[in-house]
Amino acid sequence: MDNTTQKTDWKERDIGALWQRQGRDQKYLSGHVRMKASDGSVVEQRVIVFTNKHKSADNHPDFRVYQADEPTNNTESSDSSSILDEADTEEVLVAEGDTDTVTDEVL
């Protein structure tokens, strides 16, 4: 396979992108993935990714991916704020005994 064909193949397989962000108490990834809907249209979904700080066995996931809330405007500060609020909510669930819930550092 030549280099041009290889680049084309990767471009066609690209389904999204993630950016590393710094929150108040943790690092996380935020970005988007594109998926085909049942009607064949392409839908872009915003996501956030946290490390699983409650991982206690090798078969537990290293990261958890969550559907991100859509921001009310396109500023980065409001995006980070809504993501961190969701993370704070997840920590409350962990405190109540949900050991599969994830918040902490990413990468």
C-alpha atoms as a PDB file:
ATOM      1  CA  MET A   1       0.000   0.000   0.000  1.00  0.00           C
ATOM      2  CA  ASP A   2       1.517   3.342  -0.972  1.00  0.00           C
ATOM      3  CA  ASN A   3       1.621   6.417   1.282  1.00  0.00           C
ATOM      4  CA  THR A   4      -1.205   8.257  -0.558  1.00  0.00           C
ATOM      5  CA  THR A   5      -3.562   5.306  -0.246  1.00  0.00           C
ATOM      6  CA  GLN A   6      -2.684   4.955   3.422  1.00  0.00           C
ATOM      7  CA  LYS A   7      -3.502   8.639   4.147  1.00  0.00           C
ATOM      8  CA  THR A   8      -6.813   8.346   2.292  1.00  0.00           C
ATOM      9  CA  ASP A   9      -7.727   5.208   4.235  1.00  0.00           C
ATOM     10  CA  TRP A  10      -7.082   6.902   7.603  1.00  0.00           C
ATOM     11  CA  LYS A  11      -9.017  10.000   6.563  1.00  0.00           C
ATOM     12  CA  GLU A  12     -12.025   7.867   5.619  1.00  0.00           C
ATOM     13  CA  ARG A  13     -11.860   6.033   8.972  1.00  0.00           C
ATOM     14  CA  ASP A  14     -11.650   9.246  11.043  1.00  0.00           C
ATOM     15  CA  ILE A  15     -14.759   9.486  13.248  1.00  0.00           C
ATOM     16  CA  GLY A  16     -13.872  12.322  15.608  1.00  0.00           C
ATOM     17  CA  ALA A  17     -11.330  14.118  17.751  1.00  0.00           C
ATOM     18  CA  LEU A  18     -10.518  14.702  21.436  1.00  0.00           C
ATOM     19  CA  TRP A  19      -8.709  17.540  23.180  1.00  0.00           C
ATOM     20  CA  GLN A  20      -7.053  17.368  26.590  1.00  0.00           C
ATOM     21  CA  ARG A  21      -8.541  19.909  29.015  1.00  0.00           C
ATOM     22  CA  GLN A  22      -7.691  21.019  32.536  1.00  0.00           C
ATOM     23  CA  GLY A  23     -10.603  21.306  34.960  1.00  0.00           C
ATOM     24  CA  ARG A  24     -10.612  22.625  38.513  1.00  0.00           C
ATOM     25  CA  ASP A  25      -9.342  19.377  40.032  1.00  0.00           C
ATOM     26  CA  GLN A  26      -8.717  17.064  37.114  1.00  0.00           C
ATOM     27  CA  LYS A  27      -7.673  16.647  33.524  1.00  0.00           C
ATOM     28  CA  TYR A  28     -10.129  15.203  31.043  1.00  0.00           C
ATOM     29  CA  LEU A  29     -10.707  14.840  27.308  1.00  0.00           C
ATOM     30  CA  SER A  30     -13.476  16.581  25.434  1.00  0.00           C
ATOM     31  CA  GLY A  31     -14.401  16.391  21.794  1.00  0.00           C
ATOM     32  CA  HIS A  32     -16.781  14.808  19.337  1.00  0.00           C
ATOM     33  CA  VAL A  33     -17.476  11.588  17.487  1.00  0.00           C
ATOM     34  CA  ARG A  34     -19.459  11.153  14.279  1.00  0.00           C
ATOM     35  CA  MET A  35     -21.853   8.221  13.990  1.00  0.00           C
ATOM     36  CA  LYS A  36     -24.336   7.007  11.422  1.00  0.00           C
ATOM     37  CA  ALA A  37     -27.934   7.277  12.583  1.00  0.00           C
ATOM     38  CA  SER A  38     -30.500   4.598  11.780  1.00  0.00           C
ATOM     39  CA  ASP A  39     -31.760   6.709   8.856  1.00  0.00           C
ATOM     40  CA  GLY A  40     -28.246   6.783   7.342  1.00  0.00           C
ATOM     41  CA  SER A  41     -27.503  10.402   8.226  1.00  0.00           C
ATOM     42  CA  VAL A  42     -24.290  11.301  10.072  1.00  0.00           C
ATOM     43  CA  VAL A  43     -24.731  12.650  13.595  1.00  0.00           C
ATOM     44  CA  GLU A  44     -21.960  14.406  15.532  1.00  0.00           C
ATOM     45  CA  GLN A  45     -22.066  13.748  19.293  1.00  0.00           C
ATOM     46  CA  ARG A  46     -20.047  15.745  21.815  1.00  0.00           C
ATOM     47  CA  VAL A  47     -18.344  13.564  24.441  1.00  0.00           C
ATOM     48  CA  ILE A  48     -16.204  13.869  27.575  1.00  0.00           C
ATOM     49  CA  VAL A  49     -13.767  11.214  28.836  1.00  0.00           C
ATOM     50  CA  PHE A  50     -12.565  10.695  32.410  1.00  0.00           C
ATOM     51  CA  THR A  51     -10.134   8.137  33.820  1.00  0.00           C
ATOM     52  CA  ASN A  52     -11.623   5.455  36.019  1.00  0.00           C
ATOM     53  CA  LYS A  53     -10.078   6.267  39.386  1.00  0.00           C
ATOM     54  CA  HIS A  54     -12.085   3.430  40.922  1.00  0.00           C
ATOM     55  CA  LYS A  55     -10.492   0.769  38.746  1.00  0.00           C
ATOM     56  CA  SER A  56      -9.670  -2.151  41.006  1.00  0.00           C
ATOM     57  CA  ALA A  57      -9.207  -4.991  38.500  1.00  0.00           C
ATOM     58  CA  ASP A  58      -7.597  -5.434  35.097  1.00  0.00           C
ATOM     59  CA  ASN A  59     -10.971  -6.100  33.468  1.00  0.00           C
ATOM     60  CA  HIS A  60     -12.367  -2.717  34.616  1.00  0.00           C
ATOM     61  CA  PRO A  61     -12.153   0.074  32.014  1.00  0.00           C
ATOM     62  CA  ASP A  62      -9.293   2.581  32.156  1.00  0.00           C
ATOM     63  CA  PHE A  63     -11.523   5.396  30.860  1.00  0.00           C
ATOM     64  CA  ARG A  64     -15.256   6.173  30.784  1.00  0.00           C
ATOM     65  CA  VAL A  65     -16.905   8.108  27.933  1.00  0.00           C
ATOM     66  CA  TYR A  66     -19.944  10.300  28.597  1.00  0.00           C
ATOM     67  CA  GLN A  67     -22.319  12.136  26.323  1.00  0.00           C
ATOM     68  CA  ALA A  68     -21.672  15.861  26.893  1.00  0.00           C
ATOM     69  CA  ASP A  69     -24.433  18.379  27.450  1.00  0.00           C
ATOM     70  CA  GLU A  70     -24.791  20.858  24.606  1.00  0.00           C
ATOM     71  CA  PRO A  71     -23.544  24.285  25.744  1.00  0.00           C
ATOM     72  CA  THR A  72     -25.884  27.274  25.720  1.00  0.00           C
ATOM     73  CA  ASN A  73     -23.230  29.223  23.796  1.00  0.00           C
ATOM     74  CA  ASN A  74     -19.924  28.429  22.089  1.00  0.00           C
ATOM     75  CA  THR A  75     -17.492  29.785  24.684  1.00  0.00           C
ATOM     76  CA  GLU A  76     -14.923  27.422  26.146  1.00  0.00           C
ATOM     77  CA  SER A  77     -15.555  28.589  29.724  1.00  0.00           C
ATOM     78  CA  SER A  78     -19.234  27.600  29.643  1.00  0.00           C
ATOM     79  CA  ASP A  79     -18.288  24.255  28.068  1.00  0.00           C
ATOM     80  CA  SER A  80     -15.772  23.523  30.822  1.00  0.00           C
ATOM     81  CA  SER A  81     -18.206  24.621  33.498  1.00  0.00           C
ATOM     82  CA  SER A  82     -20.971  22.252  32.356  1.00  0.00           C
ATOM     83  CA  ILE A  83     -18.475  19.385  32.077  1.00  0.00           C
ATOM     84  CA  LEU A  84     -17.127  19.982  35.564  1.00  0.00           C
ATOM     85  CA  ASP A  85     -20.639  20.208  37.003  1.00  0.00           C
ATOM     86  CA  GLU A  86     -21.331  16.791  35.498  1.00  0.00           C
ATOM     87  CA  ALA A  87     -18.076  15.481  36.983  1.00  0.00           C
ATOM     88  CA  ASP A  88     -19.038  16.825  40.410  1.00  0.00           C
ATOM     89  CA  THR A  89     -22.360  14.981  40.103  1.00  0.00           C
ATOM     90  CA  GLU A  90     -20.499  11.778  39.285  1.00  0.00           C
ATOM     91  CA  GLU A  91     -18.395  12.146  42.440  1.00  0.00           C
ATOM     92  CA  VAL A  92     -21.572  12.362  44.531  1.00  0.00           C
ATOM     93  CA  LEU A  93     -22.771   9.088  42.997  1.00  0.00           C
ATOM     94  CA  VAL A  94     -19.462   7.441  43.915  1.00  0.00           C
ATOM     95  CA  ALA A  95     -19.828   8.631  47.496  1.00  0.00           C
ATOM     96  CA  GLU A  96     -23.228   6.926  47.595  1.00  0.00           C
ATOM     97  CA  GLY A  97     -21.695   3.583  46.611  1.00  0.00           C
ATOM     98  CA  ASP A  98     -21.685   3.499  42.790  1.00  0.00           C
ATOM     99  CA  THR A  99     -18.201   2.044  42.276  1.00  0.00           C
ATOM    100  CA  ASP A 100     -18.483   2.076  38.470  1.00  0.00           C
ATOM    101  CA  THR A 101     -18.753   5.880  38.351  1.00  0.00           C
ATOM    102  CA  VAL A 102     -15.676   7.723  37.136  1.00  0.00           C
ATOM    103  CA  THR A 103     -14.009  11.053  37.743  1.00  0.00           C
ATOM    104  CA  ASP A 104     -10.311  11.924  37.962  1.00  0.00           C
ATOM    105  CA  GLU A 105      -7.383  12.617  35.711  1.00  0.00           C
ATOM    106  CA  VAL A 106      -7.190  11.766  32.030  1.00  0.00           C
ATOM    107  CA  LEU A 107      -3.779  11.007  30.549  1.00  0.00           C
END
